PDB file of N, CA and C in Angstrom:
ATOM      1  N   GLN A   1      14.850   8.768  67.401  1.00  0.00           N
ATOM      2  CA  GLN A   1      13.857   7.651  67.126  1.00  0.00           C
ATOM      3  C   GLN A   1      14.247   6.724  67.639  1.00  0.00           C
ATOM      4  N   THR A   2      12.981   5.750  68.326  1.00  0.00           N
ATOM      5  CA  THR A   2      13.591   4.614  69.113  1.00  0.00           C
ATOM      6  C   THR A   2      13.500   3.518  67.919  1.00  0.00           C
ATOM      7  N   VAL A   3      13.623   2.459  68.090  1.00  0.00           N
ATOM      8  CA  VAL A   3      13.536   1.274  67.018  1.00  0.00           C
ATOM      9  C   VAL A   3      11.708   1.286  67.063  1.00  0.00           C
ATOM     10  N   SER A   4      11.321   1.301  67.991  1.00  0.00           N
ATOM     11  CA  SER A   4       9.664   0.687  67.675  1.00  0.00           C
ATOM     12  C   SER A   4       9.101   2.149  67.027  1.00  0.00           C
ATOM     13  N   GLN A   5       9.477   3.302  67.408  1.00  0.00           N
ATOM     14  CA  GLN A   5       9.095   4.115  66.507  1.00  0.00           C
ATOM     15  C   GLN A   5       9.031   4.202  64.857  1.00  0.00           C
ATOM     16  N   MET A   6      10.326   3.777  64.684  1.00  0.00           N
ATOM     17  CA  MET A   6      10.749   3.580  63.424  1.00  0.00           C
ATOM     18  C   MET A   6       9.768   2.564  62.647  1.00  0.00           C
ATOM     19  N   VAL A   7       9.362   1.640  63.425  1.00  0.00           N
ATOM     20  CA  VAL A   7       8.964   0.168  62.695  1.00  0.00           C
ATOM     21  C   VAL A   7       7.438   0.956  62.475  1.00  0.00           C
ATOM     22  N   ASP A   8       7.048   1.390  63.687  1.00  0.00           N
ATOM     23  CA  ASP A   8       5.525   1.646  63.667  1.00  0.00           C
ATOM     24  C   ASP A   8       5.446   3.311  62.041  1.00  0.00           C
ATOM     25  N   GLN A   9       6.563   4.146  62.086  1.00  0.00           N
ATOM     26  CA  GLN A   9       6.443   5.023  60.910  1.00  0.00           C
ATOM     27  C   GLN A   9       6.154   4.114  59.559  1.00  0.00           C
ATOM     28  N   VAL A  10       6.999   3.236  59.774  1.00  0.00           N
ATOM     29  CA  VAL A  10       7.260   1.834  58.020  1.00  0.00           C
ATOM     30  C   VAL A  10       5.719   1.246  58.299  1.00  0.00           C
ATOM     31  N   LEU A  11       5.495   0.927  59.150  1.00  0.00           N
ATOM     32  CA  LEU A  11       4.346   0.505  59.235  1.00  0.00           C
ATOM     33  C   LEU A  11       3.188   1.028  58.803  1.00  0.00           C
ATOM     34  N   LYS A  12       2.850   2.506  58.468  1.00  0.00           N
ATOM     35  CA  LYS A  12       1.896   3.401  58.420  1.00  0.00           C
ATOM     36  C   LYS A  12       2.006   3.770  56.951  1.00  0.00           C
ATOM     37  N   LEU A  13       2.934   2.827  55.947  1.00  0.00           N
ATOM     38  CA  LEU A  13       3.216   2.778  54.902  1.00  0.00           C
ATOM     39  C   LEU A  13       1.783   1.795  54.182  1.00  0.00           C
ATOM     40  N   PRO A  14       1.116   2.044  53.105  1.00  0.00           N
ATOM     41  CA  PRO A  14       0.726   1.143  52.694  1.00  0.00           C
ATOM     42  C   PRO A  14       0.755  -0.702  52.515  1.00  0.00           C
ATOM     43  N   PRO A  15      -0.222  -1.227  52.806  1.00  0.00           N
ATOM     44  CA  PRO A  15       0.182  -2.630  52.392  1.00  0.00           C
ATOM     45  C   PRO A  15       1.202  -2.792  51.247  1.00  0.00           C
ATOM     46  N   SER A  16       1.822  -3.715  51.190  1.00  0.00           N
ATOM     47  CA  SER A  16       2.111  -4.383  49.844  1.00  0.00           C
ATOM     48  C   SER A  16       3.548  -2.969  49.322  1.00  0.00           C
ATOM     49  N   THR A  17       3.670  -2.419  50.128  1.00  0.00           N
ATOM     50  CA  THR A  17       4.520  -1.105  49.846  1.00  0.00           C
ATOM     51  C   THR A  17       6.097  -2.044  49.553  1.00  0.00           C
ATOM     52  N   VAL A  18       7.049  -1.892  49.008  1.00  0.00           N
ATOM     53  CA  VAL A  18       8.560  -2.571  48.706  1.00  0.00           C
ATOM     54  C   VAL A  18       9.475  -1.603  49.340  1.00  0.00           C
ATOM     55  N   ILE A  19       9.919  -2.090  50.221  1.00  0.00           N
ATOM     56  CA  ILE A  19      11.081  -1.079  51.157  1.00  0.00           C
ATOM     57  C   ILE A  19      12.394  -1.750  50.921  1.00  0.00           C
ATOM     58  N   ALA A  20      13.568  -0.514  50.955  1.00  0.00           N
ATOM     59  CA  ALA A  20      15.030  -1.460  51.199  1.00  0.00           C
ATOM     60  C   ALA A  20      15.633  -0.286  52.501  1.00  0.00           C
ATOM     61  N   LEU A  21      15.779  -1.164  52.926  1.00  0.00           N
ATOM     62  CA  LEU A  21      16.455  -0.625  54.606  1.00  0.00           C
ATOM     63  C   LEU A  21      17.716  -0.571  54.442  1.00  0.00           C
ATOM     64  N   LEU A  22      18.405   0.589  54.403  1.00  0.00           N
ATOM     65  CA  LEU A  22      19.881   0.916  54.196  1.00  0.00           C
ATOM     66  C   LEU A  22      20.734   1.181  55.324  1.00  0.00           C
ATOM     67  N   ALA A  23      22.245   1.178  55.470  1.00  0.00           N
ATOM     68  CA  ALA A  23      23.024   1.490  56.714  1.00  0.00           C
ATOM     69  C   ALA A  23      23.802   2.220  56.006  1.00  0.00           C
ATOM     70  N   PRO A  24      23.913   3.600  56.029  1.00  0.00           N
ATOM     71  CA  PRO A  24      24.578   4.511  55.319  1.00  0.00           C
ATOM     72  C   PRO A  24      26.492   4.270  56.092  1.00  0.00           C
ATOM     73  N   LEU A  25      27.105   3.926  55.288  1.00  0.00           N
ATOM     74  CA  LEU A  25      28.405   3.776  55.737  1.00  0.00           C
ATOM     75  C   LEU A  25      29.701   4.796  55.259  1.00  0.00           C
ATOM     76  N   ALA A  26      29.388   5.261  54.257  1.00  0.00           N
ATOM     77  CA  ALA A  26      29.970   6.457  53.824  1.00  0.00           C
ATOM     78  C   ALA A  26      29.371   7.573  52.667  1.00  0.00           C
ATOM     79  N   ALA A  27      29.488   8.616  53.371  1.00  0.00           N
ATOM     80  CA  ALA A  27      28.998   9.342  52.829  1.00  0.00           C
ATOM     81  C   ALA A  27      30.052  10.624  52.149  1.00  0.00           C
ATOM     82  N   ASP A  28      29.772  10.108  50.357  1.00  0.00           N
ATOM     83  CA  ASP A  28      30.646  11.245  49.697  1.00  0.00           C
ATOM     84  C   ASP A  28      32.440  11.282  50.315  1.00  0.00           C
ATOM     85  N   ARG A  29      32.716  10.305  50.463  1.00  0.00           N
ATOM     86  CA  ARG A  29      34.130  10.027  50.896  1.00  0.00           C
ATOM     87  C   ARG A  29      35.048   9.474  49.436  1.00  0.00           C
ATOM     88  N   LYS A  30      35.963  10.122  49.590  1.00  0.00           N
ATOM     89  CA  LYS A  30      36.865   9.590  48.214  1.00  0.00           C
ATOM     90  C   LYS A  30      37.697   8.330  48.689  1.00  0.00           C
ATOM     91  N   GLY A  31      37.974   7.378  47.922  1.00  0.00           N
ATOM     92  CA  GLY A  31      38.772   5.749  48.207  1.00  0.00           C
ATOM     93  C   GLY A  31      38.268   4.647  47.337  1.00  0.00           C
ATOM     94  N   ALA A  32      38.609   3.821  47.395  1.00  0.00           N
ATOM     95  CA  ALA A  32      37.962   2.953  46.201  1.00  0.00           C
ATOM     96  C   ALA A  32      36.835   1.611  47.610  1.00  0.00           C
ATOM     97  N   HIS A  33      37.440   1.728  48.441  1.00  0.00           N
ATOM     98  CA  HIS A  33      36.705   1.199  49.475  1.00  0.00           C
ATOM     99  C   HIS A  33      36.470  -0.211  49.475  1.00  0.00           C
ATOM    100  N   ALA A  34      37.227  -0.610  48.590  1.00  0.00           N
ATOM    101  CA  ALA A  34      36.930  -2.471  48.329  1.00  0.00           C
ATOM    102  C   ALA A  34      37.290  -2.885  49.517  1.00  0.00           C
ATOM    103  N   GLU A  35      38.134  -2.835  50.746  1.00  0.00           N
ATOM    104  CA  GLU A  35      38.107  -3.664  52.095  1.00  0.00           C
ATOM    105  C   GLU A  35      36.781  -3.678  52.534  1.00  0.00           C
ATOM    106  N   ALA A  36      36.005  -2.201  52.714  1.00  0.00           N
ATOM    107  CA  ALA A  36      35.005  -2.138  53.243  1.00  0.00           C
ATOM    108  C   ALA A  36      33.607  -3.230  52.556  1.00  0.00           C
ATOM    109  N   LEU A  37      33.756  -3.167  51.317  1.00  0.00           N
ATOM    110  CA  LEU A  37      32.767  -3.804  50.635  1.00  0.00           C
ATOM    111  C   LEU A  37      33.073  -5.435  51.164  1.00  0.00           C
ATOM    112  N   LYS A  38      34.316  -5.768  51.008  1.00  0.00           N
ATOM    113  CA  LYS A  38      34.959  -7.043  51.078  1.00  0.00           C
ATOM    114  C   LYS A  38      34.408  -7.414  52.700  1.00  0.00           C
ATOM    115  N   ASP A  39      34.355  -6.646  53.665  1.00  0.00           N
ATOM    116  CA  ASP A  39      33.856  -6.669  54.870  1.00  0.00           C
ATOM    117  C   ASP A  39      32.350  -7.136  55.109  1.00  0.00           C
ATOM    118  N   LEU A  40      31.806  -6.038  54.039  1.00  0.00           N
ATOM    119  CA  LEU A  40      30.395  -6.012  54.477  1.00  0.00           C
ATOM    120  C   LEU A  40      29.934  -7.920  53.727  1.00  0.00           C
ATOM    121  N   ALA A  41      30.263  -8.128  52.908  1.00  0.00           N
ATOM    122  CA  ALA A  41      30.289  -9.107  52.151  1.00  0.00           C
ATOM    123  C   ALA A  41      30.480 -10.421  53.397  1.00  0.00           C
ATOM    124  N   GLY A  42      31.628 -10.231  54.111  1.00  0.00           N
ATOM    125  CA  GLY A  42      32.402 -11.152  55.181  1.00  0.00           C
ATOM    126  C   GLY A  42      31.013 -11.423  56.000  1.00  0.00           C
ATOM    127  N   GLN A  43      30.687 -10.340  56.487  1.00  0.00           N
ATOM    128  CA  GLN A  43      28.979 -10.329  57.389  1.00  0.00           C
ATOM    129  C   GLN A  43      27.996 -10.969  56.930  1.00  0.00           C
ATOM    130  N   GLY A  44      28.146 -11.545  55.643  1.00  0.00           N
ATOM    131  CA  GLY A  44      26.632 -11.871  55.412  1.00  0.00           C
ATOM    132  C   GLY A  44      25.743 -10.943  54.571  1.00  0.00           C
ATOM    133  N   PHE A  45      26.026  -9.565  54.174  1.00  0.00           N
ATOM    134  CA  PHE A  45      25.351  -8.779  53.405  1.00  0.00           C
ATOM    135  C   PHE A  45      25.770  -9.100  51.959  1.00  0.00           C
ATOM    136  N   MET A  46      24.318  -9.006  51.361  1.00  0.00           N
ATOM    137  CA  MET A  46      24.611  -9.440  49.730  1.00  0.00           C
ATOM    138  C   MET A  46      24.540  -8.615  48.462  1.00  0.00           C
ATOM    139  N   ARG A  47      24.160  -6.978  49.291  1.00  0.00           N
ATOM    140  CA  ARG A  47      23.918  -5.673  47.997  1.00  0.00           C
ATOM    141  C   ARG A  47      24.540  -4.492  49.386  1.00  0.00           C
ATOM    142  N   ALA A  48      24.909  -3.879  48.303  1.00  0.00           N
ATOM    143  CA  ALA A  48      25.076  -2.421  48.372  1.00  0.00           C
ATOM    144  C   ALA A  48      24.734  -1.233  47.636  1.00  0.00           C
ATOM    145  N   ARG A  49      24.310  -0.509  48.542  1.00  0.00           N
ATOM    146  CA  ARG A  49      23.574   0.683  47.364  1.00  0.00           C
ATOM    147  C   ARG A  49      25.168   1.526  47.138  1.00  0.00           C
ATOM    148  N   ILE A  50      25.706   1.892  45.773  1.00  0.00           N
ATOM    149  CA  ILE A  50      26.755   2.669  46.030  1.00  0.00           C
ATOM    150  C   ILE A  50      26.611   3.890  44.397  1.00  0.00           C
ATOM    151  N   ASP A  51      27.004   4.684  45.239  1.00  0.00           N
ATOM    152  CA  ASP A  51      26.645   5.990  44.473  1.00  0.00           C
ATOM    153  C   ASP A  51      24.885   6.051  43.835  1.00  0.00           C
ATOM    154  N   GLY A  52      24.324   5.442  44.637  1.00  0.00           N
ATOM    155  CA  GLY A  52      22.752   5.603  44.164  1.00  0.00           C
ATOM    156  C   GLY A  52      22.388   4.360  43.482  1.00  0.00           C
ATOM    157  N   ARG A  53      23.187   3.388  42.674  1.00  0.00           N
ATOM    158  CA  ARG A  53      22.691   1.960  42.493  1.00  0.00           C
ATOM    159  C   ARG A  53      23.236   0.662  43.157  1.00  0.00           C
ATOM    160  N   ILE A  54      22.274  -0.010  42.953  1.00  0.00           N
ATOM    161  CA  ILE A  54      21.928  -1.424  44.160  1.00  0.00           C
ATOM    162  C   ILE A  54      23.679  -2.230  43.333  1.00  0.00           C
ATOM    163  N   TYR A  55      24.571  -3.045  44.209  1.00  0.00           N
ATOM    164  CA  TYR A  55      25.444  -3.792  43.308  1.00  0.00           C
ATOM    165  C   TYR A  55      25.381  -4.868  44.392  1.00  0.00           C
ATOM    166  N   GLU A  56      25.310  -6.428  43.950  1.00  0.00           N
ATOM    167  CA  GLU A  56      25.879  -7.396  44.393  1.00  0.00           C
ATOM    168  C   GLU A  56      27.517  -7.292  45.269  1.00  0.00           C
ATOM    169  N   LEU A  57      27.280  -7.873  46.059  1.00  0.00           N
ATOM    170  CA  LEU A  57      28.739  -7.701  47.108  1.00  0.00           C
ATOM    171  C   LEU A  57      29.879  -8.934  46.125  1.00  0.00           C
ATOM    172  N   ASP A  58      29.059  -9.925  45.452  1.00  0.00           N
ATOM    173  CA  ASP A  58      29.782 -11.186  45.257  1.00  0.00           C
ATOM    174  C   ASP A  58      30.384 -10.409  43.864  1.00  0.00           C
ATOM    175  N   ALA A  59      30.363  -9.226  43.563  1.00  0.00           N
ATOM    176  CA  ALA A  59      30.656  -8.364  42.232  1.00  0.00           C
ATOM    177  C   ALA A  59      30.628  -7.279  42.139  1.00  0.00           C
ATOM    178  N   PRO A  60      30.990  -6.282  43.056  1.00  0.00           N
ATOM    179  CA  PRO A  60      31.193  -5.052  43.546  1.00  0.00           C
ATOM    180  C   PRO A  60      31.905  -4.195  42.263  1.00  0.00           C
ATOM    181  N   PRO A  61      31.264  -2.842  41.531  1.00  0.00           N
ATOM    182  CA  PRO A  61      31.974  -2.179  40.822  1.00  0.00           C
ATOM    183  C   PRO A  61      33.609  -1.681  41.423  1.00  0.00           C
ATOM    184  N   GLU A  62      34.614  -1.514  40.343  1.00  0.00           N
ATOM    185  CA  GLU A  62      35.828  -1.000  40.720  1.00  0.00           C
ATOM    186  C   GLU A  62      35.459   0.443  41.023  1.00  0.00           C
ATOM    187  N   LEU A  63      35.985   1.173  42.368  1.00  0.00           N
ATOM    188  CA  LEU A  63      34.958   2.430  42.146  1.00  0.00           C
ATOM    189  C   LEU A  63      36.672   3.196  42.285  1.00  0.00           C
ATOM    190  N   ASP A  64      36.584   4.192  41.859  1.00  0.00           N
ATOM    191  CA  ASP A  64      38.054   5.259  41.368  1.00  0.00           C
ATOM    192  C   ASP A  64      38.111   5.855  42.881  1.00  0.00           C
ATOM    193  N   LEU A  65      39.526   5.632  43.041  1.00  0.00           N
ATOM    194  CA  LEU A  65      40.295   6.106  44.015  1.00  0.00           C
ATOM    195  C   LEU A  65      40.238   7.935  44.577  1.00  0.00           C
ATOM    196  N   LYS A  66      40.250   8.593  43.366  1.00  0.00           N
ATOM    197  CA  LYS A  66      40.156   9.990  43.762  1.00  0.00           C
ATOM    198  C   LYS A  66      38.928  10.304  43.461  1.00  0.00           C
ATOM    199  N   ARG A  67      37.665   9.834  43.342  1.00  0.00           N
ATOM    200  CA  ARG A  67      36.408  10.737  43.721  1.00  0.00           C
ATOM    201  C   ARG A  67      35.756  10.297  44.907  1.00  0.00           C
ATOM    202  N   LYS A  68      34.857  11.170  45.092  1.00  0.00           N
ATOM    203  CA  LYS A  68      34.032  10.929  46.232  1.00  0.00           C
ATOM    204  C   LYS A  68      32.504   9.691  45.782  1.00  0.00           C
ATOM    205  N   HIS A  69      32.702   8.818  46.956  1.00  0.00           N
ATOM    206  CA  HIS A  69      31.845   7.928  46.832  1.00  0.00           C
ATOM    207  C   HIS A  69      30.582   7.540  47.686  1.00  0.00           C
ATOM    208  N   THR A  70      29.322   7.526  47.882  1.00  0.00           N
ATOM    209  CA  THR A  70      28.428   7.097  48.871  1.00  0.00           C
ATOM    210  C   THR A  70      28.116   5.620  49.216  1.00  0.00           C
ATOM    211  N   ILE A  71      28.190   5.014  49.901  1.00  0.00           N
ATOM    212  CA  ILE A  71      27.941   3.599  49.990  1.00  0.00           C
ATOM    213  C   ILE A  71      26.721   3.010  50.947  1.00  0.00           C
ATOM    214  N   GLU A  72      26.115   2.668  50.995  1.00  0.00           N
ATOM    215  CA  GLU A  72      24.999   2.409  51.897  1.00  0.00           C
ATOM    216  C   GLU A  72      25.161   0.649  51.788  1.00  0.00           C
ATOM    217  N   ALA A  73      25.043   0.061  53.132  1.00  0.00           N
ATOM    218  CA  ALA A  73      24.231  -1.698  52.813  1.00  0.00           C
ATOM    219  C   ALA A  73      22.940  -1.456  52.893  1.00  0.00           C
ATOM    220  N   VAL A  74      22.585  -2.604  52.558  1.00  0.00           N
ATOM    221  CA  VAL A  74      21.274  -2.953  52.045  1.00  0.00           C
ATOM    222  C   VAL A  74      21.259  -4.184  52.947  1.00  0.00           C
ATOM    223  N   VAL A  75      20.294  -3.794  53.874  1.00  0.00           N
ATOM    224  CA  VAL A  75      20.766  -4.472  55.486  1.00  0.00           C
ATOM    225  C   VAL A  75      18.866  -5.480  55.051  1.00  0.00           C
ATOM    226  N   ASP A  76      17.843  -5.033  54.869  1.00  0.00           N
ATOM    227  CA  ASP A  76      17.022  -5.854  54.192  1.00  0.00           C
ATOM    228  C   ASP A  76      16.062  -5.322  53.362  1.00  0.00           C
ATOM    229  N   ARG A  77      15.116  -6.180  52.436  1.00  0.00           N
ATOM    230  CA  ARG A  77      14.332  -5.805  51.276  1.00  0.00           C
ATOM    231  C   ARG A  77      12.866  -6.251  51.592  1.00  0.00           C
ATOM    232  N   MET A  78      11.949  -5.909  51.513  1.00  0.00           N
ATOM    233  CA  MET A  78      10.731  -6.818  52.328  1.00  0.00           C
ATOM    234  C   MET A  78       9.457  -5.678  51.590  1.00  0.00           C
ATOM    235  N   ARG A  79       8.527  -6.455  51.309  1.00  0.00           N
ATOM    236  CA  ARG A  79       6.720  -5.725  51.045  1.00  0.00           C
ATOM    237  C   ARG A  79       5.889  -5.470  52.439  1.00  0.00           C
ATOM    238  N   ILE A  80       5.999  -4.428  52.666  1.00  0.00           N
ATOM    239  CA  ILE A  80       5.255  -4.157  53.852  1.00  0.00           C
ATOM    240  C   ILE A  80       4.030  -4.885  54.302  1.00  0.00           C
ATOM    241  N   LYS A  81       3.796  -5.470  55.796  1.00  0.00           N
ATOM    242  CA  LYS A  81       3.026  -6.555  56.113  1.00  0.00           C
ATOM    243  C   LYS A  81       2.423  -6.096  57.421  1.00  0.00           C
ATOM    244  N   SER A  82       1.774  -6.162  58.029  1.00  0.00           N
ATOM    245  CA  SER A  82       1.577  -5.385  59.764  1.00  0.00           C
ATOM    246  C   SER A  82       2.361  -6.779  60.251  1.00  0.00           C
ATOM    247  N   GLU A  83       2.527  -8.110  59.892  1.00  0.00           N
ATOM    248  CA  GLU A  83       3.251  -9.265  60.818  1.00  0.00           C
ATOM    249  C   GLU A  83       4.657  -8.956  60.638  1.00  0.00           C
ATOM    250  N   ALA A  84       5.283  -8.254  59.925  1.00  0.00           N
ATOM    251  CA  ALA A  84       6.718  -7.981  59.620  1.00  0.00           C
ATOM    252  C   ALA A  84       7.155  -7.099  60.793  1.00  0.00           C
ATOM    253  N   SER A  85       6.477  -6.307  62.158  1.00  0.00           N
ATOM    254  CA  SER A  85       7.280  -5.560  62.604  1.00  0.00           C
ATOM    255  C   SER A  85       8.531  -6.145  63.340  1.00  0.00           C
ATOM    256  N   GLN A  86       7.934  -7.165  63.877  1.00  0.00           N
ATOM    257  CA  GLN A  86       9.395  -8.286  64.451  1.00  0.00           C
ATOM    258  C   GLN A  86      10.702  -8.112  63.761  1.00  0.00           C
ATOM    259  N   ARG A  87      10.576  -8.233  62.030  1.00  0.00           N
ATOM    260  CA  ARG A  87      11.227  -8.473  61.521  1.00  0.00           C
ATOM    261  C   ARG A  87      11.955  -6.971  60.906  1.00  0.00           C
ATOM    262  N   LEU A  88      11.011  -6.093  60.616  1.00  0.00           N
ATOM    263  CA  LEU A  88      11.512  -4.647  60.746  1.00  0.00           C
ATOM    264  C   LEU A  88      12.208  -4.213  61.809  1.00  0.00           C
ATOM    265  N   ALA A  89      11.777  -5.105  63.110  1.00  0.00           N
ATOM    266  CA  ALA A  89      12.636  -4.105  64.513  1.00  0.00           C
ATOM    267  C   ALA A  89      14.264  -4.850  64.444  1.00  0.00           C
ATOM    268  N   GLU A  90      14.248  -6.053  63.944  1.00  0.00           N
ATOM    269  CA  GLU A  90      15.539  -6.580  64.090  1.00  0.00           C
ATOM    270  C   GLU A  90      16.651  -6.178  62.870  1.00  0.00           C
ATOM    271  N   SER A  91      15.928  -5.436  61.432  1.00  0.00           N
ATOM    272  CA  SER A  91      16.847  -5.226  60.148  1.00  0.00           C
ATOM    273  C   SER A  91      17.171  -3.554  60.843  1.00  0.00           C
ATOM    274  N   PHE A  92      16.085  -2.725  61.722  1.00  0.00           N
ATOM    275  CA  PHE A  92      16.626  -1.530  61.937  1.00  0.00           C
ATOM    276  C   PHE A  92      18.099  -1.605  63.214  1.00  0.00           C
ATOM    277  N   GLU A  93      17.669  -2.447  63.925  1.00  0.00           N
ATOM    278  CA  GLU A  93      18.573  -3.067  64.737  1.00  0.00           C
ATOM    279  C   GLU A  93      20.334  -2.776  64.247  1.00  0.00           C
ATOM    280  N   THR A  94      20.182  -3.926  63.061  1.00  0.00           N
ATOM    281  CA  THR A  94      21.064  -4.231  62.631  1.00  0.00           C
ATOM    282  C   THR A  94      21.677  -2.756  61.560  1.00  0.00           C
ATOM    283  N   ALA A  95      20.878  -2.345  61.014  1.00  0.00           N
ATOM    284  CA  ALA A  95      21.647  -1.150  60.502  1.00  0.00           C
ATOM    285  C   ALA A  95      22.084   0.010  61.296  1.00  0.00           C
ATOM    286  N   LEU A  96      21.058   0.385  62.505  1.00  0.00           N
ATOM    287  CA  LEU A  96      21.989   1.163  63.356  1.00  0.00           C
ATOM    288  C   LEU A  96      23.138   0.543  63.956  1.00  0.00           C
ATOM    289  N   SER A  97      23.267  -0.645  64.176  1.00  0.00           N
ATOM    290  CA  SER A  97      24.478  -1.023  64.690  1.00  0.00           C
ATOM    291  C   SER A  97      25.815  -0.736  63.564  1.00  0.00           C
ATOM    292  N   LEU A  98      25.602  -1.357  62.161  1.00  0.00           N
ATOM    293  CA  LEU A  98      26.392  -1.212  61.485  1.00  0.00           C
ATOM    294  C   LEU A  98      26.514   0.489  61.094  1.00  0.00           C
ATOM    295  N   SER A  99      25.852   1.289  61.246  1.00  0.00           N
ATOM    296  CA  SER A  99      26.147   2.374  60.426  1.00  0.00           C
ATOM    297  C   SER A  99      26.322   3.345  61.872  1.00  0.00           C
ATOM    298  N   GLY A 100      26.494   2.952  62.904  1.00  0.00           N
ATOM    299  CA  GLY A 100      26.776   4.021  64.045  1.00  0.00           C
ATOM    300  C   GLY A 100      25.522   4.816  64.670  1.00  0.00           C
ATOM    301  N   GLY A 101      24.316   4.488  64.196  1.00  0.00           N
ATOM    302  CA  GLY A 101      23.085   5.448  64.500  1.00  0.00           C
ATOM    303  C   GLY A 101      22.456   5.835  63.786  1.00  0.00           C
ATOM    304  N   LEU A 102      22.471   5.080  62.485  1.00  0.00           N
ATOM    305  CA  LEU A 102      21.472   6.053  61.402  1.00  0.00           C
ATOM    306  C   LEU A 102      21.158   4.396  60.766  1.00  0.00           C
ATOM    307  N   ALA A 103      20.225   5.103  59.974  1.00  0.00           N
ATOM    308  CA  ALA A 103      19.255   3.981  58.902  1.00  0.00           C
ATOM    309  C   ALA A 103      18.401   4.580  58.022  1.00  0.00           C
ATOM    310  N   ARG A 104      18.478   4.018  56.778  1.00  0.00           N
ATOM    311  CA  ARG A 104      17.380   5.373  55.434  1.00  0.00           C
ATOM    312  C   ARG A 104      16.261   3.878  55.081  1.00  0.00           C
TER     313      ARG A 104
END
């Protein structure tokens, strides 16, 4: 899908729906991922979803090195409005760039 198609699809959601746009970074990969989380914070990201829970990047959890983890950067959170198309497009571009072509 193109970014404009993604934006159009999101804008079809009911007005005032709250969404979080995520960039997948690690899917079921072992490791502590401390450096990746530190890099995200250094790039200005405030939150990440780690194993299904949202965490602030200024206080990320310590992850078990031997367990598999799923990490997604929270690129944007917003309430759907028709005038949000430009912001949505920019957020999708950021997510796609960060994750190598994926967004959730």
